Amino acid sequence: MYLTKEIKAEIFAKHGGKAENTGSTEGQIALFTHRINHLTGHLKKNHKDFNTERSLVKLVGKRRSLLDYLKKKDIVKYRELIVELGIRK
């Protein structure tokens, strides 16, 4: 399993303030980024897995909408998160 409870709690503790704060925008964006990186690695090996490709596109769209929300809400946190996670744009 690539995403255990411990990894998820660590992601939310680092980006969401504390491990129980799973609703924070920053934490969700960080979790989506972790999942996107995993799916990208999977697709490099299995290029004909179209269901995973569709899931990846949907996940990128969700992350993009959360990033747009964060940009409107707090531009400073948005810029810090972009640099920290290594997301383009």
PDB file of N, CA and C in Angstrom:
ATOM      1  N   MET A   1       0.846  -1.187   0.000  1.00  0.00           N
ATOM      2  CA  MET A   1       0.000   0.000   0.000  1.00  0.00           C
ATOM      3  C   MET A   1       0.883   1.240   0.000  1.00  0.00           C
ATOM      4  N   TYR A   2       0.675   2.113  -0.927  1.00  0.00           N
ATOM      5  CA  TYR A   2       1.536   3.290  -1.028  1.00  0.00           C
ATOM      6  C   TYR A   2       1.100   4.409  -0.088  1.00  0.00           C
ATOM      7  N   LEU A   3      -0.137   4.402   0.370  1.00  0.00           N
ATOM      8  CA  LEU A   3      -0.636   5.474   1.218  1.00  0.00           C
ATOM      9  C   LEU A   3      -1.215   4.876   2.496  1.00  0.00           C
ATOM     10  N   THR A   4      -0.390   4.774   3.513  1.00  0.00           N
ATOM     11  CA  THR A   4      -0.828   4.232   4.788  1.00  0.00           C
ATOM     12  C   THR A   4      -1.349   5.350   5.683  1.00  0.00           C
ATOM     13  N   LYS A   5      -1.914   4.973   6.819  1.00  0.00           N
ATOM     14  CA  LYS A   5      -2.416   5.962   7.772  1.00  0.00           C
ATOM     15  C   LYS A   5      -1.307   6.873   8.257  1.00  0.00           C
ATOM     16  N   GLU A   6      -0.134   6.286   8.458  1.00  0.00           N
ATOM     17  CA  GLU A   6       0.990   7.059   8.977  1.00  0.00           C
ATOM     18  C   GLU A   6       1.457   8.116   7.974  1.00  0.00           C
ATOM     19  N   ILE A   7       1.534   7.731   6.700  1.00  0.00           N
ATOM     20  CA  ILE A   7       1.956   8.676   5.672  1.00  0.00           C
ATOM     21  C   ILE A   7       0.936   9.802   5.539  1.00  0.00           C
ATOM     22  N   LYS A   8      -0.334   9.427   5.560  1.00  0.00           N
ATOM     23  CA  LYS A   8      -1.401  10.420   5.447  1.00  0.00           C
ATOM     24  C   LYS A   8      -1.373  11.386   6.628  1.00  0.00           C
ATOM     25  N   ALA A   9      -1.201  10.851   7.842  1.00  0.00           N
ATOM     26  CA  ALA A   9      -1.127  11.703   9.036  1.00  0.00           C
ATOM     27  C   ALA A   9       0.090  12.618   8.973  1.00  0.00           C
ATOM     28  N   GLU A  10       1.192  12.103   8.447  1.00  0.00           N
ATOM     29  CA  GLU A  10       2.410  12.915   8.317  1.00  0.00           C
ATOM     30  C   GLU A  10       2.205  14.063   7.335  1.00  0.00           C
ATOM     31  N   ILE A  11       1.536  13.786   6.223  1.00  0.00           N
ATOM     32  CA  ILE A  11       1.267  14.827   5.225  1.00  0.00           C
ATOM     33  C   ILE A  11       0.401  15.922   5.831  1.00  0.00           C
ATOM     34  N   PHE A  12      -0.669  15.528   6.542  1.00  0.00           N
ATOM     35  CA  PHE A  12      -1.562  16.526   7.131  1.00  0.00           C
ATOM     36  C   PHE A  12      -0.906  17.250   8.299  1.00  0.00           C
ATOM     37  N   ALA A  13      -0.031  16.579   9.028  1.00  0.00           N
ATOM     38  CA  ALA A  13       0.671  17.246  10.125  1.00  0.00           C
ATOM     39  C   ALA A  13       1.623  18.305   9.584  1.00  0.00           C
ATOM     40  N   LYS A  14       2.257  18.007   8.448  1.00  0.00           N
ATOM     41  CA  LYS A  14       3.225  18.944   7.877  1.00  0.00           C
ATOM     42  C   LYS A  14       2.536  20.136   7.216  1.00  0.00           C
ATOM     43  N   HIS A  15       1.441  19.881   6.503  1.00  0.00           N
ATOM     44  CA  HIS A  15       0.818  20.934   5.705  1.00  0.00           C
ATOM     45  C   HIS A  15      -0.485  21.456   6.292  1.00  0.00           C
ATOM     46  N   GLY A  16      -1.180  20.659   7.087  1.00  0.00           N
ATOM     47  CA  GLY A  16      -2.479  21.086   7.586  1.00  0.00           C
ATOM     48  C   GLY A  16      -2.460  21.625   8.995  1.00  0.00           C
ATOM     49  N   GLY A  17      -1.314  21.669   9.619  1.00  0.00           N
ATOM     50  CA  GLY A  17      -1.221  22.156  10.989  1.00  0.00           C
ATOM     51  C   GLY A  17      -1.081  21.025  11.982  1.00  0.00           C
ATOM     52  N   LYS A  18      -2.024  20.093  11.967  1.00  0.00           N
ATOM     53  CA  LYS A  18      -1.934  18.898  12.801  1.00  0.00           C
ATOM     54  C   LYS A  18      -2.555  17.724  12.061  1.00  0.00           C
ATOM     55  N   ALA A  19      -2.279  16.524  12.529  1.00  0.00           N
ATOM     56  CA  ALA A  19      -2.673  15.315  11.795  1.00  0.00           C
ATOM     57  C   ALA A  19      -4.188  15.158  11.693  1.00  0.00           C
ATOM     58  N   GLU A  20      -4.940  15.687  12.649  1.00  0.00           N
ATOM     59  CA  GLU A  20      -6.399  15.536  12.638  1.00  0.00           C
ATOM     60  C   GLU A  20      -7.080  16.540  11.719  1.00  0.00           C
ATOM     61  N   ASN A  21      -6.354  17.547  11.254  1.00  0.00           N
ATOM     62  CA  ASN A  21      -6.935  18.597  10.423  1.00  0.00           C
ATOM     63  C   ASN A  21      -6.947  18.162   8.957  1.00  0.00           C
ATOM     64  N   THR A  22      -7.791  17.207   8.634  1.00  0.00           N
ATOM     65  CA  THR A  22      -7.813  16.657   7.284  1.00  0.00           C
ATOM     66  C   THR A  22      -8.628  17.503   6.317  1.00  0.00           C
ATOM     67  N   GLY A  23      -9.292  18.526   6.795  1.00  0.00           N
ATOM     68  CA  GLY A  23     -10.107  19.364   5.924  1.00  0.00           C
ATOM     69  C   GLY A  23      -9.399  20.596   5.431  1.00  0.00           C
ATOM     70  N   SER A  24      -8.174  20.821   5.859  1.00  0.00           N
ATOM     71  CA  SER A  24      -7.469  22.035   5.446  1.00  0.00           C
ATOM     72  C   SER A  24      -7.135  21.974   3.959  1.00  0.00           C
ATOM     73  N   THR A  25      -7.221  23.103   3.331  1.00  0.00           N
ATOM     74  CA  THR A  25      -6.955  23.183   1.894  1.00  0.00           C
ATOM     75  C   THR A  25      -5.520  22.789   1.579  1.00  0.00           C
ATOM     76  N   GLU A  26      -4.586  23.294   2.385  1.00  0.00           N
ATOM     77  CA  GLU A  26      -3.177  22.998   2.135  1.00  0.00           C
ATOM     78  C   GLU A  26      -2.890  21.513   2.282  1.00  0.00           C
ATOM     79  N   GLY A  27      -3.490  20.881   3.289  1.00  0.00           N
ATOM     80  CA  GLY A  27      -3.298  19.450   3.500  1.00  0.00           C
ATOM     81  C   GLY A  27      -3.860  18.614   2.364  1.00  0.00           C
ATOM     82  N   GLN A  28      -5.036  19.004   1.883  1.00  0.00           N
ATOM     83  CA  GLN A  28      -5.647  18.263   0.784  1.00  0.00           C
ATOM     84  C   GLN A  28      -4.827  18.410  -0.496  1.00  0.00           C
ATOM     85  N   ILE A  29      -4.315  19.603  -0.752  1.00  0.00           N
ATOM     86  CA  ILE A  29      -3.481  19.810  -1.935  1.00  0.00           C
ATOM     87  C   ILE A  29      -2.217  18.962  -1.844  1.00  0.00           C
ATOM     88  N   ALA A  30      -1.627  18.902  -0.654  1.00  0.00           N
ATOM     89  CA  ALA A  30      -0.418  18.088  -0.469  1.00  0.00           C
ATOM     90  C   ALA A  30      -0.728  16.602  -0.658  1.00  0.00           C
ATOM     91  N   LEU A  31      -1.874  16.155  -0.157  1.00  0.00           N
ATOM     92  CA  LEU A  31      -2.272  14.752  -0.329  1.00  0.00           C
ATOM     93  C   LEU A  31      -2.515  14.436  -1.806  1.00  0.00           C
ATOM     94  N   PHE A  32      -3.215  15.332  -2.500  1.00  0.00           N
ATOM     95  CA  PHE A  32      -3.448  15.128  -3.932  1.00  0.00           C
ATOM     96  C   PHE A  32      -2.131  15.088  -4.697  1.00  0.00           C
ATOM     97  N   THR A  33      -1.188  15.929  -4.316  1.00  0.00           N
ATOM     98  CA  THR A  33       0.118  15.942  -4.980  1.00  0.00           C
ATOM     99  C   THR A  33       0.840  14.612  -4.775  1.00  0.00           C
ATOM    100  N   HIS A  34       0.769  14.080  -3.556  1.00  0.00           N
ATOM    101  CA  HIS A  34       1.392  12.782  -3.282  1.00  0.00           C
ATOM    102  C   HIS A  34       0.750  11.700  -4.149  1.00  0.00           C
ATOM    103  N   ARG A  35      -0.569  11.704  -4.241  1.00  0.00           N
ATOM    104  CA  ARG A  35      -1.271  10.706  -5.054  1.00  0.00           C
ATOM    105  C   ARG A  35      -0.967  10.882  -6.540  1.00  0.00           C
ATOM    106  N   ILE A  36      -0.898  12.127  -6.997  1.00  0.00           N
ATOM    107  CA  ILE A  36      -0.586  12.398  -8.406  1.00  0.00           C
ATOM    108  C   ILE A  36       0.803  11.884  -8.757  1.00  0.00           C
ATOM    109  N   ASN A  37       1.763  12.116  -7.874  1.00  0.00           N
ATOM    110  CA  ASN A  37       3.126  11.617  -8.127  1.00  0.00           C
ATOM    111  C   ASN A  37       3.152  10.104  -8.198  1.00  0.00           C
ATOM    112  N   HIS A  38       2.389   9.439  -7.335  1.00  0.00           N
ATOM    113  CA  HIS A  38       2.342   7.979  -7.359  1.00  0.00           C
ATOM    114  C   HIS A  38       1.712   7.476  -8.664  1.00  0.00           C
ATOM    115  N   LEU A  39       0.590   8.080  -9.064  1.00  0.00           N
ATOM    116  CA  LEU A  39      -0.087   7.644 -10.286  1.00  0.00           C
ATOM    117  C   LEU A  39       0.766   7.921 -11.525  1.00  0.00           C
ATOM    118  N   THR A  40       1.522   8.997 -11.508  1.00  0.00           N
ATOM    119  CA  THR A  40       2.401   9.312 -12.631  1.00  0.00           C
ATOM    120  C   THR A  40       3.477   8.242 -12.788  1.00  0.00           C
ATOM    121  N   GLY A  41       4.040   7.815 -11.659  1.00  0.00           N
ATOM    122  CA  GLY A  41       5.028   6.737 -11.702  1.00  0.00           C
ATOM    123  C   GLY A  41       4.431   5.439 -12.205  1.00  0.00           C
ATOM    124  N   HIS A  42       3.195   5.161 -11.800  1.00  0.00           N
ATOM    125  CA  HIS A  42       2.507   3.957 -12.258  1.00  0.00           C
ATOM    126  C   HIS A  42       2.282   4.001 -13.768  1.00  0.00           C
ATOM    127  N   LEU A  43       1.885   5.173 -14.268  1.00  0.00           N
ATOM    128  CA  LEU A  43       1.599   5.286 -15.701  1.00  0.00           C
ATOM    129  C   LEU A  43       2.856   5.230 -16.560  1.00  0.00           C
ATOM    130  N   LYS A  44       4.007   5.561 -15.984  1.00  0.00           N
ATOM    131  CA  LYS A  44       5.248   5.435 -16.752  1.00  0.00           C
ATOM    132  C   LYS A  44       5.551   3.972 -17.052  1.00  0.00           C
ATOM    133  N   LYS A  45       5.154   3.081 -16.131  1.00  0.00           N
ATOM    134  CA  LYS A  45       5.374   1.643 -16.339  1.00  0.00           C
ATOM    135  C   LYS A  45       4.238   1.005 -17.132  1.00  0.00           C
ATOM    136  N   ASN A  46       3.013   1.483 -16.906  1.00  0.00           N
ATOM    137  CA  ASN A  46       1.815   0.884 -17.512  1.00  0.00           C
ATOM    138  C   ASN A  46       1.104   1.933 -18.366  1.00  0.00           C
ATOM    139  N   HIS A  47       1.651   2.198 -19.535  1.00  0.00           N
ATOM    140  CA  HIS A  47       1.142   3.288 -20.349  1.00  0.00           C
ATOM    141  C   HIS A  47      -0.228   3.018 -20.964  1.00  0.00           C
ATOM    142  N   LYS A  48      -0.717   1.790 -20.934  1.00  0.00           N
ATOM    143  CA  LYS A  48      -2.025   1.483 -21.498  1.00  0.00           C
ATOM    144  C   LYS A  48      -3.128   1.401 -20.445  1.00  0.00           C
ATOM    145  N   ASP A  49      -2.827   1.807 -19.226  1.00  0.00           N
ATOM    146  CA  ASP A  49      -3.809   1.778 -18.144  1.00  0.00           C
ATOM    147  C   ASP A  49      -4.647   3.047 -18.220  1.00  0.00           C
ATOM    148  N   PHE A  50      -5.720   3.011 -19.000  1.00  0.00           N
ATOM    149  CA  PHE A  50      -6.508   4.206 -19.270  1.00  0.00           C
ATOM    150  C   PHE A  50      -7.395   4.605 -18.091  1.00  0.00           C
ATOM    151  N   ASN A  51      -7.784   3.659 -17.255  1.00  0.00           N
ATOM    152  CA  ASN A  51      -8.577   4.007 -16.075  1.00  0.00           C
ATOM    153  C   ASN A  51      -7.748   4.833 -15.096  1.00  0.00           C
ATOM    154  N   THR A  52      -6.501   4.469 -14.915  1.00  0.00           N
ATOM    155  CA  THR A  52      -5.621   5.239 -14.044  1.00  0.00           C
ATOM    156  C   THR A  52      -5.354   6.607 -14.652  1.00  0.00           C
ATOM    157  N   GLU A  53      -5.233   6.661 -15.964  1.00  0.00           N
ATOM    158  CA  GLU A  53      -5.014   7.942 -16.632  1.00  0.00           C
ATOM    159  C   GLU A  53      -6.198   8.883 -16.414  1.00  0.00           C
ATOM    160  N   ARG A  54      -7.392   8.339 -16.486  1.00  0.00           N
ATOM    161  CA  ARG A  54      -8.591   9.140 -16.243  1.00  0.00           C
ATOM    162  C   ARG A  54      -8.631   9.622 -14.794  1.00  0.00           C
ATOM    163  N   SER A  55      -8.294   8.749 -13.865  1.00  0.00           N
ATOM    164  CA  SER A  55      -8.247   9.125 -12.453  1.00  0.00           C
ATOM    165  C   SER A  55      -7.224  10.229 -12.206  1.00  0.00           C
ATOM    166  N   LEU A  56      -6.094  10.133 -12.882  1.00  0.00           N
ATOM    167  CA  LEU A  56      -5.053  11.136 -12.738  1.00  0.00           C
ATOM    168  C   LEU A  56      -5.536  12.501 -13.234  1.00  0.00           C
ATOM    169  N   VAL A  57      -6.208  12.519 -14.364  1.00  0.00           N
ATOM    170  CA  VAL A  57      -6.711  13.778 -14.916  1.00  0.00           C
ATOM    171  C   VAL A  57      -7.744  14.398 -13.979  1.00  0.00           C
ATOM    172  N   LYS A  58      -8.626  13.578 -13.411  1.00  0.00           N
ATOM    173  CA  LYS A  58      -9.626  14.092 -12.476  1.00  0.00           C
ATOM    174  C   LYS A  58      -8.970  14.637 -11.214  1.00  0.00           C
ATOM    175  N   LEU A  59      -7.947  13.958 -10.742  1.00  0.00           N
ATOM    176  CA  LEU A  59      -7.246  14.377  -9.531  1.00  0.00           C
ATOM    177  C   LEU A  59      -6.498  15.691  -9.755  1.00  0.00           C
ATOM    178  N   VAL A  60      -5.906  15.836 -10.917  1.00  0.00           N
ATOM    179  CA  VAL A  60      -5.224  17.091 -11.251  1.00  0.00           C
ATOM    180  C   VAL A  60      -6.239  18.233 -11.299  1.00  0.00           C
ATOM    181  N   GLY A  61      -7.412  17.973 -11.827  1.00  0.00           N
ATOM    182  CA  GLY A  61      -8.460  18.990 -11.869  1.00  0.00           C
ATOM    183  C   GLY A  61      -8.925  19.399 -10.480  1.00  0.00           C
ATOM    184  N   LYS A  62      -9.074  18.424  -9.599  1.00  0.00           N
ATOM    185  CA  LYS A  62      -9.458  18.731  -8.216  1.00  0.00           C
ATOM    186  C   LYS A  62      -8.397  19.581  -7.531  1.00  0.00           C
ATOM    187  N   ARG A  63      -7.136  19.196  -7.729  1.00  0.00           N
ATOM    188  CA  ARG A  63      -6.045  19.953  -7.117  1.00  0.00           C
ATOM    189  C   ARG A  63      -5.989  21.367  -7.675  1.00  0.00           C
ATOM    190  N   ARG A  64      -6.221  21.512  -8.980  1.00  0.00           N
ATOM    191  CA  ARG A  64      -6.207  22.829  -9.602  1.00  0.00           C
ATOM    192  C   ARG A  64      -7.302  23.721  -9.016  1.00  0.00           C
ATOM    193  N   SER A  65      -8.494  23.171  -8.796  1.00  0.00           N
ATOM    194  CA  SER A  65      -9.569  23.981  -8.245  1.00  0.00           C
ATOM    195  C   SER A  65      -9.275  24.374  -6.799  1.00  0.00           C
ATOM    196  N   LEU A  66      -8.672  23.473  -6.025  1.00  0.00           N
ATOM    197  CA  LEU A  66      -8.284  23.825  -4.657  1.00  0.00           C
ATOM    198  C   LEU A  66      -7.179  24.875  -4.658  1.00  0.00           C
ATOM    199  N   LEU A  67      -6.250  24.782  -5.595  1.00  0.00           N
ATOM    200  CA  LEU A  67      -5.200  25.792  -5.697  1.00  0.00           C
ATOM    201  C   LEU A  67      -5.782  27.158  -6.072  1.00  0.00           C
ATOM    202  N   ASP A  68      -6.761  27.176  -6.961  1.00  0.00           N
ATOM    203  CA  ASP A  68      -7.409  28.431  -7.326  1.00  0.00           C
ATOM    204  C   ASP A  68      -8.122  29.038  -6.124  1.00  0.00           C
ATOM    205  N   TYR A  69      -8.779  28.195  -5.338  1.00  0.00           N
ATOM    206  CA  TYR A  69      -9.451  28.660  -4.128  1.00  0.00           C
ATOM    207  C   TYR A  69      -8.446  29.255  -3.142  1.00  0.00           C
ATOM    208  N   LEU A  70      -7.338  28.561  -2.937  1.00  0.00           N
ATOM    209  CA  LEU A  70      -6.316  29.037  -2.008  1.00  0.00           C
ATOM    210  C   LEU A  70      -5.698  30.340  -2.511  1.00  0.00           C
ATOM    211  N   LYS A  71      -5.552  30.465  -3.813  1.00  0.00           N
ATOM    212  CA  LYS A  71      -4.987  31.684  -4.397  1.00  0.00           C
ATOM    213  C   LYS A  71      -5.898  32.881  -4.124  1.00  0.00           C
ATOM    214  N   LYS A  72      -7.210  32.667  -4.240  1.00  0.00           N
ATOM    215  CA  LYS A  72      -8.150  33.746  -3.948  1.00  0.00           C
ATOM    216  C   LYS A  72      -8.179  34.081  -2.463  1.00  0.00           C
ATOM    217  N   LYS A  73      -8.056  33.045  -1.632  1.00  0.00           N
ATOM    218  CA  LYS A  73      -8.184  33.219  -0.188  1.00  0.00           C
ATOM    219  C   LYS A  73      -6.925  33.815   0.445  1.00  0.00           C
ATOM    220  N   ASP A  74      -5.761  33.260   0.112  1.00  0.00           N
ATOM    221  CA  ASP A  74      -4.513  33.709   0.729  1.00  0.00           C
ATOM    222  C   ASP A  74      -3.357  33.480  -0.242  1.00  0.00           C
ATOM    223  N   ILE A  75      -2.954  34.532  -0.920  1.00  0.00           N
ATOM    224  CA  ILE A  75      -1.932  34.425  -1.971  1.00  0.00           C
ATOM    225  C   ILE A  75      -0.569  34.037  -1.408  1.00  0.00           C
ATOM    226  N   VAL A  76      -0.266  34.444  -0.178  1.00  0.00           N
ATOM    227  CA  VAL A  76       1.035  34.128   0.422  1.00  0.00           C
ATOM    228  C   VAL A  76       1.152  32.623   0.675  1.00  0.00           C
ATOM    229  N   LYS A  77       0.118  32.012   1.265  1.00  0.00           N
ATOM    230  CA  LYS A  77       0.132  30.563   1.509  1.00  0.00           C
ATOM    231  C   LYS A  77       0.192  29.800   0.180  1.00  0.00           C
ATOM    232  N   TYR A  78      -0.513  30.324  -0.817  1.00  0.00           N
ATOM    233  CA  TYR A  78      -0.512  29.699  -2.140  1.00  0.00           C
ATOM    234  C   TYR A  78       0.907  29.647  -2.701  1.00  0.00           C
ATOM    235  N   ARG A  79       1.608  30.762  -2.650  1.00  0.00           N
ATOM    236  CA  ARG A  79       2.967  30.823  -3.207  1.00  0.00           C
ATOM    237  C   ARG A  79       3.927  29.930  -2.430  1.00  0.00           C
ATOM    238  N   GLU A  80       3.787  29.898  -1.094  1.00  0.00           N
ATOM    239  CA  GLU A  80       4.648  29.042  -0.278  1.00  0.00           C
ATOM    240  C   GLU A  80       4.406  27.564  -0.596  1.00  0.00           C
ATOM    241  N   LEU A  81       3.140  27.191  -0.747  1.00  0.00           N
ATOM    242  CA  LEU A  81       2.794  25.795  -1.017  1.00  0.00           C
ATOM    243  C   LEU A  81       3.286  25.355  -2.391  1.00  0.00           C
ATOM    244  N   ILE A  82       3.170  26.228  -3.386  1.00  0.00           N
ATOM    245  CA  ILE A  82       3.640  25.924  -4.736  1.00  0.00           C
ATOM    246  C   ILE A  82       5.139  25.623  -4.718  1.00  0.00           C
ATOM    247  N   VAL A  83       5.888  26.460  -4.004  1.00  0.00           N
ATOM    248  CA  VAL A  83       7.345  26.272  -3.946  1.00  0.00           C
ATOM    249  C   VAL A  83       7.675  25.005  -3.178  1.00  0.00           C
ATOM    250  N   GLU A  84       6.995  24.791  -2.050  1.00  0.00           N
ATOM    251  CA  GLU A  84       7.300  23.641  -1.191  1.00  0.00           C
ATOM    252  C   GLU A  84       7.010  22.314  -1.869  1.00  0.00           C
ATOM    253  N   LEU A  85       5.889  22.236  -2.600  1.00  0.00           N
ATOM    254  CA  LEU A  85       5.511  20.983  -3.247  1.00  0.00           C
ATOM    255  C   LEU A  85       6.125  20.823  -4.628  1.00  0.00           C
ATOM    256  N   GLY A  86       6.681  21.876  -5.162  1.00  0.00           N
ATOM    257  CA  GLY A  86       7.300  21.795  -6.488  1.00  0.00           C
ATOM    258  C   GLY A  86       6.283  21.714  -7.607  1.00  0.00           C
ATOM    259  N   ILE A  87       5.177  22.410  -7.445  1.00  0.00           N
ATOM    260  CA  ILE A  87       4.131  22.414  -8.476  1.00  0.00           C
ATOM    261  C   ILE A  87       4.404  23.565  -9.425  1.00  0.00           C
ATOM    262  N   ARG A  88       4.254  23.326 -10.698  1.00  0.00           N
ATOM    263  CA  ARG A  88       4.412  24.405 -11.672  1.00  0.00           C
ATOM    264  C   ARG A  88       3.207  25.328 -11.595  1.00  0.00           C
ATOM    265  N   LYS A  89       3.382  26.555 -12.073  1.00  0.00           N
ATOM    266  CA  LYS A  89       2.349  27.588 -12.130  1.00  0.00           C
ATOM    267  C   LYS A  89       2.101  28.204 -10.804  1.00  0.00           C
TER     268      LYS A  89
END
